[in-house]
């Protein structure tokens, strides 16, 4: 549960993203805005590699190198505009903090990440867990569920002879 970033949930134009980035103390560079707009349009968390491919294929003709993209992603995570989720293979996935769900299902075979379905009881359960942690002297800054298993496609593939 990412409680540190409350953002509007409707799509933002590039000018609004630029304002938001500046209020967080960053420069609203072309690469920063391109990353935010790509993640806004994405239905699932994206890896560094998938973002590199999308930036190369976006038709802008404006290349971005790997190191620049790493730096952009790190800065956006630091100012709570992005959430970083690490899968069991230790690959980082990024999503907008405003749309980060409370948990993900990770396929153990293909390592795809799928947001857990919205459940009105889930936030209360996570708050209960947080309260229990505080009783033991632990202070959490983020709680995200990670459920593991096989996705529908991999399940079907494993059923084939």
N, C-alpha and C. Protein backbone atom coordinates (compact mmCIF):
# COMPACT_ATOMS: atom_id res chain seq x y z
N UNK A 1 0.86 -1.17 0.00
CA UNK A 1 0.00 0.00 0.00
C UNK A 1 0.90 1.22 0.00
N UNK A 2 0.83 1.97 -1.04
CA UNK A 2 1.67 3.15 -1.15
C UNK A 2 0.86 4.35 -0.70
N UNK A 3 1.12 4.82 0.51
CA UNK A 3 0.35 5.93 1.05
C UNK A 3 1.06 7.27 0.89
N UNK A 4 2.27 7.24 0.32
CA UNK A 4 3.05 8.46 0.25
C UNK A 4 2.74 9.31 -0.97
N UNK A 5 2.01 8.77 -1.93
CA UNK A 5 1.78 9.52 -3.15
C UNK A 5 0.30 9.50 -3.52
N UNK A 6 -0.36 10.58 -3.27
CA UNK A 6 -1.76 10.69 -3.67
C UNK A 6 -1.82 11.63 -4.85
N UNK A 7 -2.20 11.10 -5.99
CA UNK A 7 -2.22 11.85 -7.22
C UNK A 7 -3.61 11.75 -7.84
N UNK A 8 -3.93 12.63 -8.77
CA UNK A 8 -5.18 12.47 -9.50
C UNK A 8 -5.12 11.19 -10.33
N UNK A 9 -6.28 10.56 -10.58
CA UNK A 9 -6.28 9.30 -11.30
C UNK A 9 -6.62 9.45 -12.77
N UNK A 10 -7.06 10.61 -13.22
CA UNK A 10 -7.37 10.78 -14.64
C UNK A 10 -6.09 11.08 -15.40
N UNK A 11 -6.05 10.75 -16.71
CA UNK A 11 -4.84 11.03 -17.49
C UNK A 11 -4.47 12.50 -17.45
N UNK A 12 -3.18 12.75 -17.36
CA UNK A 12 -2.68 14.13 -17.29
C UNK A 12 -2.01 14.50 -18.60
N UNK A 13 -2.25 15.70 -19.10
CA UNK A 13 -1.50 16.14 -20.27
C UNK A 13 -0.04 16.41 -19.88
N UNK A 14 0.82 16.46 -20.88
CA UNK A 14 2.25 16.67 -20.62
C UNK A 14 2.50 17.93 -19.82
N UNK A 15 1.73 18.99 -20.06
CA UNK A 15 1.95 20.24 -19.33
C UNK A 15 1.65 20.06 -17.84
N UNK A 16 0.64 19.27 -17.53
CA UNK A 16 0.31 19.03 -16.12
C UNK A 16 1.37 18.16 -15.46
N UNK A 17 1.87 17.15 -16.22
CA UNK A 17 2.97 16.35 -15.67
C UNK A 17 4.18 17.24 -15.41
N UNK A 18 4.45 18.16 -16.32
CA UNK A 18 5.60 19.05 -16.14
C UNK A 18 5.46 19.86 -14.85
N UNK A 19 4.27 20.39 -14.61
CA UNK A 19 4.03 21.14 -13.37
C UNK A 19 4.24 20.26 -12.15
N UNK A 20 3.70 19.04 -12.20
CA UNK A 20 3.81 18.12 -11.08
C UNK A 20 5.26 17.73 -10.80
N UNK A 21 6.02 17.49 -11.86
CA UNK A 21 7.43 17.15 -11.72
C UNK A 21 8.18 18.31 -11.07
N UNK A 22 7.90 19.52 -11.51
CA UNK A 22 8.58 20.70 -10.94
C UNK A 22 8.24 20.90 -9.47
N UNK A 23 6.99 20.63 -9.09
CA UNK A 23 6.62 20.78 -7.68
C UNK A 23 7.36 19.77 -6.80
N UNK A 24 7.86 18.69 -7.41
CA UNK A 24 8.62 17.69 -6.66
C UNK A 24 10.12 17.98 -6.68
N UNK A 25 10.50 19.12 -7.29
CA UNK A 25 11.89 19.54 -7.27
C UNK A 25 12.74 19.00 -8.40
N UNK A 26 12.12 18.43 -9.41
CA UNK A 26 12.87 17.92 -10.56
C UNK A 26 12.67 18.81 -11.77
N UNK A 27 13.57 18.68 -12.73
CA UNK A 27 13.40 19.36 -14.01
C UNK A 27 12.48 18.52 -14.88
N UNK A 28 11.59 19.16 -15.56
CA UNK A 28 10.64 18.47 -16.43
C UNK A 28 11.28 18.30 -17.81
N UNK A 29 12.25 17.41 -17.90
CA UNK A 29 12.95 17.20 -19.17
C UNK A 29 12.07 16.38 -20.12
N UNK A 30 12.46 16.38 -21.36
CA UNK A 30 11.75 15.62 -22.38
C UNK A 30 11.68 14.14 -21.98
N UNK A 31 12.80 13.58 -21.50
CA UNK A 31 12.83 12.16 -21.14
C UNK A 31 11.94 11.85 -19.94
N UNK A 32 11.93 12.72 -18.96
CA UNK A 32 11.07 12.54 -17.78
C UNK A 32 9.61 12.51 -18.21
N UNK A 33 9.21 13.44 -19.05
CA UNK A 33 7.82 13.51 -19.49
C UNK A 33 7.45 12.32 -20.38
N UNK A 34 8.36 11.89 -21.23
CA UNK A 34 8.09 10.73 -22.07
C UNK A 34 7.87 9.48 -21.22
N UNK A 35 8.68 9.29 -20.19
CA UNK A 35 8.53 8.13 -19.31
C UNK A 35 7.18 8.18 -18.59
N UNK A 36 6.84 9.33 -18.05
CA UNK A 36 5.57 9.45 -17.33
C UNK A 36 4.37 9.18 -18.25
N UNK A 37 4.42 9.72 -19.45
CA UNK A 37 3.32 9.50 -20.39
C UNK A 37 3.23 8.04 -20.83
N UNK A 38 4.38 7.38 -21.01
CA UNK A 38 4.36 5.96 -21.36
C UNK A 38 3.76 5.12 -20.22
N UNK A 39 4.18 5.40 -19.01
CA UNK A 39 3.66 4.63 -17.89
C UNK A 39 2.18 4.92 -17.64
N UNK A 40 1.77 6.14 -17.93
CA UNK A 40 0.36 6.48 -17.78
C UNK A 40 -0.49 5.66 -18.75
N UNK A 41 0.03 5.40 -19.94
CA UNK A 41 -0.72 4.66 -20.95
C UNK A 41 -0.61 3.14 -20.77
N UNK A 42 0.32 2.70 -19.93
CA UNK A 42 0.55 1.28 -19.74
C UNK A 42 -0.48 0.64 -18.82
N UNK A 43 -0.85 -0.59 -19.11
CA UNK A 43 -1.82 -1.30 -18.28
C UNK A 43 -1.14 -2.13 -17.19
N UNK A 44 0.17 -2.27 -17.26
CA UNK A 44 0.91 -3.08 -16.29
C UNK A 44 2.24 -2.40 -15.99
N UNK A 45 2.85 -2.75 -14.87
CA UNK A 45 4.18 -2.20 -14.57
C UNK A 45 5.17 -2.57 -15.67
N UNK A 46 6.08 -1.66 -15.96
CA UNK A 46 7.04 -1.83 -17.05
C UNK A 46 8.45 -1.97 -16.50
N UNK A 47 9.25 -2.79 -17.16
CA UNK A 47 10.66 -2.92 -16.81
C UNK A 47 11.47 -1.84 -17.51
N UNK A 48 12.71 -1.69 -17.10
CA UNK A 48 13.62 -0.76 -17.77
C UNK A 48 13.72 -1.13 -19.25
N UNK A 49 13.84 -2.41 -19.52
CA UNK A 49 13.98 -2.88 -20.90
C UNK A 49 12.74 -2.57 -21.73
N UNK A 50 11.56 -2.82 -21.18
CA UNK A 50 10.33 -2.55 -21.94
C UNK A 50 10.16 -1.05 -22.17
N UNK A 51 10.57 -0.24 -21.21
CA UNK A 51 10.51 1.22 -21.39
C UNK A 51 11.50 1.67 -22.47
N UNK A 52 12.70 1.08 -22.48
CA UNK A 52 13.70 1.40 -23.51
C UNK A 52 13.11 1.12 -24.89
N UNK A 53 12.50 -0.05 -25.04
CA UNK A 53 11.92 -0.43 -26.34
C UNK A 53 10.80 0.52 -26.74
N UNK A 54 9.96 0.88 -25.77
CA UNK A 54 8.84 1.78 -26.06
C UNK A 54 9.34 3.17 -26.45
N UNK A 55 10.38 3.65 -25.77
CA UNK A 55 10.94 4.96 -26.08
C UNK A 55 11.59 4.97 -27.46
N UNK A 56 12.20 3.87 -27.85
CA UNK A 56 12.82 3.79 -29.17
C UNK A 56 11.77 3.70 -30.27
N UNK A 57 10.60 3.14 -29.93
CA UNK A 57 9.56 2.92 -30.94
C UNK A 57 8.47 3.98 -30.92
N UNK A 58 8.62 5.01 -30.11
CA UNK A 58 7.52 5.98 -29.97
C UNK A 58 7.42 6.97 -31.13
N UNK A 59 8.34 6.88 -32.07
CA UNK A 59 8.25 7.72 -33.26
C UNK A 59 8.74 9.14 -33.06
N UNK A 60 9.25 9.46 -31.88
CA UNK A 60 9.71 10.84 -31.64
C UNK A 60 11.05 11.12 -32.31
N UNK A 61 11.79 10.05 -32.60
CA UNK A 61 13.11 10.24 -33.19
C UNK A 61 14.11 10.78 -32.19
N UNK A 62 13.76 10.76 -30.92
CA UNK A 62 14.61 11.29 -29.86
C UNK A 62 15.12 10.13 -29.00
N UNK A 63 16.32 9.64 -29.25
CA UNK A 63 16.82 8.49 -28.50
C UNK A 63 17.10 8.84 -27.04
N UNK A 64 17.02 7.83 -26.21
CA UNK A 64 17.40 7.97 -24.81
C UNK A 64 18.33 6.80 -24.50
N UNK A 65 19.43 7.07 -23.81
CA UNK A 65 20.35 5.97 -23.52
C UNK A 65 19.95 5.29 -22.20
N UNK A 66 20.48 4.10 -22.02
CA UNK A 66 20.12 3.27 -20.86
C UNK A 66 20.39 3.97 -19.52
N UNK A 67 21.55 4.59 -19.41
CA UNK A 67 21.93 5.23 -18.15
C UNK A 67 20.98 6.39 -17.83
N UNK A 68 20.66 7.18 -18.84
CA UNK A 68 19.72 8.28 -18.63
C UNK A 68 18.38 7.75 -18.14
N UNK A 69 17.90 6.66 -18.75
CA UNK A 69 16.63 6.09 -18.33
C UNK A 69 16.70 5.60 -16.89
N UNK A 70 17.79 4.93 -16.51
CA UNK A 70 17.95 4.50 -15.12
C UNK A 70 17.87 5.69 -14.17
N UNK A 71 18.55 6.76 -14.52
CA UNK A 71 18.56 7.95 -13.66
C UNK A 71 17.17 8.58 -13.56
N UNK A 72 16.47 8.66 -14.69
CA UNK A 72 15.11 9.22 -14.70
C UNK A 72 14.21 8.38 -13.80
N UNK A 73 14.27 7.08 -13.95
CA UNK A 73 13.41 6.20 -13.14
C UNK A 73 13.73 6.34 -11.65
N UNK A 74 15.02 6.35 -11.32
CA UNK A 74 15.42 6.50 -9.91
C UNK A 74 14.91 7.82 -9.32
N UNK A 75 15.07 8.90 -10.06
CA UNK A 75 14.62 10.21 -9.56
C UNK A 75 13.10 10.24 -9.37
N UNK A 76 12.37 9.67 -10.31
CA UNK A 76 10.91 9.67 -10.21
C UNK A 76 10.43 8.80 -9.05
N UNK A 77 11.16 7.74 -8.75
CA UNK A 77 10.84 6.92 -7.57
C UNK A 77 11.13 7.71 -6.30
N UNK A 78 12.27 8.41 -6.26
CA UNK A 78 12.67 9.18 -5.07
C UNK A 78 11.66 10.25 -4.71
N UNK A 79 11.00 10.84 -5.70
CA UNK A 79 10.03 11.91 -5.42
C UNK A 79 8.59 11.37 -5.41
N UNK A 80 8.45 10.05 -5.32
CA UNK A 80 7.15 9.38 -5.19
C UNK A 80 6.19 9.60 -6.36
N UNK A 81 6.73 9.79 -7.56
CA UNK A 81 5.87 9.81 -8.74
C UNK A 81 5.75 8.42 -9.34
N UNK A 82 6.77 7.57 -9.10
CA UNK A 82 6.75 6.18 -9.55
C UNK A 82 6.91 5.25 -8.36
N UNK A 83 6.41 4.05 -8.54
CA UNK A 83 6.62 2.97 -7.58
C UNK A 83 7.44 1.90 -8.27
N UNK A 84 8.45 1.40 -7.55
CA UNK A 84 9.30 0.32 -8.06
C UNK A 84 8.86 -0.98 -7.40
N UNK A 85 8.60 -1.99 -8.22
CA UNK A 85 8.23 -3.31 -7.72
C UNK A 85 9.29 -4.27 -8.22
N UNK A 86 9.84 -5.06 -7.33
CA UNK A 86 10.87 -6.01 -7.74
C UNK A 86 10.26 -7.40 -7.75
N UNK A 87 10.39 -8.11 -8.88
CA UNK A 87 9.84 -9.45 -8.96
C UNK A 87 10.82 -10.45 -8.36
N UNK A 88 10.43 -11.73 -8.33
CA UNK A 88 11.27 -12.74 -7.69
C UNK A 88 12.57 -12.97 -8.45
N UNK A 89 12.63 -12.57 -9.72
CA UNK A 89 13.86 -12.67 -10.49
C UNK A 89 14.74 -11.45 -10.30
N UNK A 90 14.37 -10.56 -9.39
CA UNK A 90 15.08 -9.34 -9.05
C UNK A 90 15.07 -8.31 -10.17
N UNK A 91 14.07 -8.40 -11.04
CA UNK A 91 13.89 -7.41 -12.09
C UNK A 91 12.96 -6.32 -11.57
N UNK A 92 13.36 -5.08 -11.73
CA UNK A 92 12.53 -3.96 -11.27
C UNK A 92 11.48 -3.63 -12.32
N UNK A 93 10.26 -3.40 -11.85
CA UNK A 93 9.15 -2.95 -12.70
C UNK A 93 8.70 -1.61 -12.14
N UNK A 94 8.23 -0.73 -13.00
CA UNK A 94 7.84 0.61 -12.58
C UNK A 94 6.40 0.90 -12.99
N UNK A 95 5.70 1.60 -12.11
CA UNK A 95 4.34 2.03 -12.39
C UNK A 95 4.14 3.39 -11.74
N UNK A 96 3.16 4.13 -12.21
CA UNK A 96 2.86 5.41 -11.59
C UNK A 96 2.43 5.18 -10.15
N UNK A 97 2.94 6.00 -9.26
CA UNK A 97 2.58 5.84 -7.84
C UNK A 97 1.09 6.04 -7.64
N UNK A 98 0.48 6.91 -8.43
CA UNK A 98 -0.95 7.18 -8.27
C UNK A 98 -1.80 5.96 -8.58
N UNK A 99 -1.29 5.06 -9.42
CA UNK A 99 -2.10 3.91 -9.82
C UNK A 99 -1.55 2.60 -9.28
N UNK A 100 -0.57 2.68 -8.40
CA UNK A 100 0.02 1.45 -7.88
C UNK A 100 -0.98 0.73 -6.98
N UNK A 101 -1.32 -0.50 -7.33
CA UNK A 101 -2.26 -1.24 -6.49
C UNK A 101 -1.57 -1.72 -5.22
N UNK A 102 -2.34 -2.31 -4.34
CA UNK A 102 -1.81 -2.79 -3.07
C UNK A 102 -1.04 -4.08 -3.22
N UNK A 103 -1.13 -4.70 -4.37
CA UNK A 103 -0.42 -5.95 -4.55
C UNK A 103 -0.43 -6.43 -5.98
N UNK A 104 0.39 -7.45 -6.21
CA UNK A 104 0.54 -8.00 -7.54
C UNK A 104 0.56 -9.52 -7.49
N UNK A 105 0.10 -10.10 -8.58
CA UNK A 105 0.25 -11.53 -8.80
C UNK A 105 1.40 -11.70 -9.76
N UNK A 106 2.39 -12.51 -9.38
CA UNK A 106 3.53 -12.76 -10.25
C UNK A 106 3.51 -14.21 -10.70
N UNK A 107 3.55 -14.40 -12.01
CA UNK A 107 3.61 -15.75 -12.56
C UNK A 107 5.01 -16.30 -12.32
N UNK A 108 5.08 -17.49 -11.74
CA UNK A 108 6.37 -18.11 -11.44
C UNK A 108 7.08 -18.61 -12.69
N UNK A 109 6.35 -18.71 -13.79
CA UNK A 109 6.96 -19.22 -15.01
C UNK A 109 7.41 -18.09 -15.93
N UNK A 110 6.51 -17.17 -16.27
CA UNK A 110 6.86 -16.10 -17.21
C UNK A 110 7.20 -14.78 -16.51
N UNK A 111 7.01 -14.71 -15.20
CA UNK A 111 7.33 -13.55 -14.37
C UNK A 111 6.53 -12.29 -14.72
N UNK A 112 5.39 -12.47 -15.37
CA UNK A 112 4.52 -11.31 -15.63
C UNK A 112 3.90 -10.85 -14.31
N UNK A 113 3.68 -9.55 -14.20
CA UNK A 113 3.04 -8.98 -13.02
C UNK A 113 1.65 -8.51 -13.40
N UNK A 114 0.68 -8.86 -12.57
CA UNK A 114 -0.70 -8.44 -12.78
C UNK A 114 -1.19 -7.84 -11.47
N UNK A 115 -1.81 -6.68 -11.54
CA UNK A 115 -2.34 -6.04 -10.34
C UNK A 115 -3.43 -6.93 -9.73
N UNK A 116 -3.43 -7.01 -8.42
CA UNK A 116 -4.50 -7.75 -7.75
C UNK A 116 -5.81 -7.00 -7.96
N UNK A 117 -6.91 -7.73 -8.07
CA UNK A 117 -8.20 -7.06 -8.26
C UNK A 117 -8.52 -6.17 -7.06
N UNK A 118 -9.23 -5.08 -7.34
CA UNK A 118 -9.66 -4.20 -6.26
C UNK A 118 -10.59 -4.96 -5.32
N UNK A 119 -10.35 -4.82 -4.05
CA UNK A 119 -11.19 -5.44 -3.04
C UNK A 119 -11.35 -4.42 -1.92
N UNK A 120 -12.56 -4.04 -1.59
CA UNK A 120 -12.75 -3.00 -0.57
C UNK A 120 -12.22 -3.40 0.80
N UNK A 121 -12.02 -4.69 1.04
CA UNK A 121 -11.51 -5.14 2.34
C UNK A 121 -9.99 -5.09 2.43
N UNK A 122 -9.32 -5.06 1.31
CA UNK A 122 -7.86 -5.13 1.30
C UNK A 122 -7.19 -3.96 2.03
N UNK A 123 -7.57 -2.71 1.80
CA UNK A 123 -6.92 -1.63 2.55
C UNK A 123 -7.06 -1.78 4.07
N UNK A 124 -8.22 -2.24 4.51
CA UNK A 124 -8.42 -2.44 5.96
C UNK A 124 -7.50 -3.54 6.48
N UNK A 125 -7.33 -4.60 5.72
CA UNK A 125 -6.43 -5.68 6.13
C UNK A 125 -4.98 -5.21 6.19
N UNK A 126 -4.59 -4.40 5.22
CA UNK A 126 -3.22 -3.89 5.22
C UNK A 126 -2.99 -2.93 6.39
N UNK A 127 -4.00 -2.13 6.71
CA UNK A 127 -3.88 -1.25 7.88
C UNK A 127 -3.78 -2.05 9.17
N UNK A 128 -4.53 -3.15 9.22
CA UNK A 128 -4.46 -4.05 10.38
C UNK A 128 -3.05 -4.62 10.53
N UNK A 129 -2.48 -5.05 9.42
CA UNK A 129 -1.12 -5.57 9.44
C UNK A 129 -0.14 -4.49 9.87
N UNK A 130 -0.31 -3.28 9.37
CA UNK A 130 0.56 -2.17 9.75
C UNK A 130 0.45 -1.89 11.25
N UNK A 131 -0.76 -1.90 11.78
CA UNK A 131 -0.96 -1.67 13.22
C UNK A 131 -0.27 -2.75 14.04
N UNK A 132 -0.35 -4.00 13.57
CA UNK A 132 0.30 -5.11 14.28
C UNK A 132 1.81 -4.94 14.26
N UNK A 133 2.34 -4.50 13.14
CA UNK A 133 3.78 -4.25 13.06
C UNK A 133 4.20 -3.16 14.04
N UNK A 134 3.41 -2.10 14.11
CA UNK A 134 3.72 -1.00 15.02
C UNK A 134 3.70 -1.46 16.48
N UNK A 135 2.83 -2.39 16.81
CA UNK A 135 2.77 -2.93 18.17
C UNK A 135 4.06 -3.65 18.54
N UNK A 136 4.75 -4.18 17.55
CA UNK A 136 6.00 -4.88 17.81
C UNK A 136 7.21 -3.96 17.67
N UNK A 137 6.96 -2.66 17.45
CA UNK A 137 8.04 -1.69 17.37
C UNK A 137 8.59 -1.49 15.97
N UNK A 138 7.91 -2.02 14.99
CA UNK A 138 8.35 -1.86 13.60
C UNK A 138 7.52 -0.79 12.92
N UNK A 139 8.17 0.05 12.12
CA UNK A 139 7.46 1.10 11.40
C UNK A 139 7.60 0.85 9.92
N UNK A 140 6.48 0.52 9.28
CA UNK A 140 6.53 0.25 7.84
C UNK A 140 6.37 1.56 7.08
N UNK A 141 6.99 1.60 5.92
CA UNK A 141 6.83 2.75 5.04
C UNK A 141 6.05 2.36 3.80
N UNK A 142 5.92 1.06 3.55
CA UNK A 142 5.22 0.59 2.37
C UNK A 142 4.84 -0.86 2.58
N UNK A 143 3.62 -1.22 2.22
CA UNK A 143 3.18 -2.61 2.27
C UNK A 143 2.60 -2.95 0.91
N UNK A 144 3.18 -3.94 0.29
CA UNK A 144 2.69 -4.42 -0.99
C UNK A 144 2.61 -5.93 -0.94
N UNK A 145 1.47 -6.48 -1.32
CA UNK A 145 1.31 -7.93 -1.35
C UNK A 145 1.92 -8.50 -2.61
N UNK A 146 2.49 -9.67 -2.48
CA UNK A 146 3.04 -10.38 -3.64
C UNK A 146 2.49 -11.80 -3.60
N UNK A 147 1.65 -12.11 -4.56
CA UNK A 147 1.05 -13.43 -4.67
C UNK A 147 1.71 -14.14 -5.84
N UNK A 148 2.11 -15.38 -5.65
CA UNK A 148 2.83 -16.12 -6.69
C UNK A 148 2.04 -17.34 -7.12
N UNK A 149 2.18 -17.69 -8.38
CA UNK A 149 1.50 -18.85 -8.94
C UNK A 149 1.69 -18.86 -10.44
N UNK A 150 0.75 -19.47 -11.16
CA UNK A 150 0.81 -19.53 -12.61
C UNK A 150 -0.30 -18.67 -13.20
N UNK A 151 0.07 -17.86 -14.19
CA UNK A 151 -0.94 -17.06 -14.89
C UNK A 151 -1.77 -17.98 -15.79
N UNK A 152 -2.85 -17.46 -16.30
CA UNK A 152 -3.76 -18.23 -17.13
C UNK A 152 -3.04 -18.86 -18.33
N UNK A 153 -2.22 -18.08 -19.02
CA UNK A 153 -1.52 -18.59 -20.21
C UNK A 153 -0.55 -19.71 -19.85
N UNK A 154 0.21 -19.55 -18.80
CA UNK A 154 1.18 -20.58 -18.40
C UNK A 154 0.47 -21.81 -17.85
N UNK A 155 -0.63 -21.62 -17.19
CA UNK A 155 -1.44 -22.73 -16.68
C UNK A 155 -1.93 -23.58 -17.85
N UNK A 156 -2.43 -22.91 -18.90
CA UNK A 156 -2.89 -23.64 -20.09
C UNK A 156 -1.74 -24.38 -20.76
N UNK A 157 -0.56 -23.74 -20.85
CA UNK A 157 0.58 -24.39 -21.46
C UNK A 157 1.02 -25.62 -20.68
N UNK A 158 0.91 -25.57 -19.35
CA UNK A 158 1.35 -26.71 -18.53
C UNK A 158 0.36 -27.87 -18.61
N UNK A 159 -0.90 -27.59 -19.01
CA UNK A 159 -1.92 -28.63 -19.14
C UNK A 159 -1.79 -29.37 -20.48
N UNK A 160 -1.09 -28.80 -21.44
CA UNK A 160 -0.95 -29.43 -22.76
C UNK A 160 0.03 -30.59 -22.67
N UNK A 161 -0.30 -31.70 -23.37
CA UNK A 161 0.61 -32.87 -23.32
C UNK A 161 1.91 -32.64 -24.04
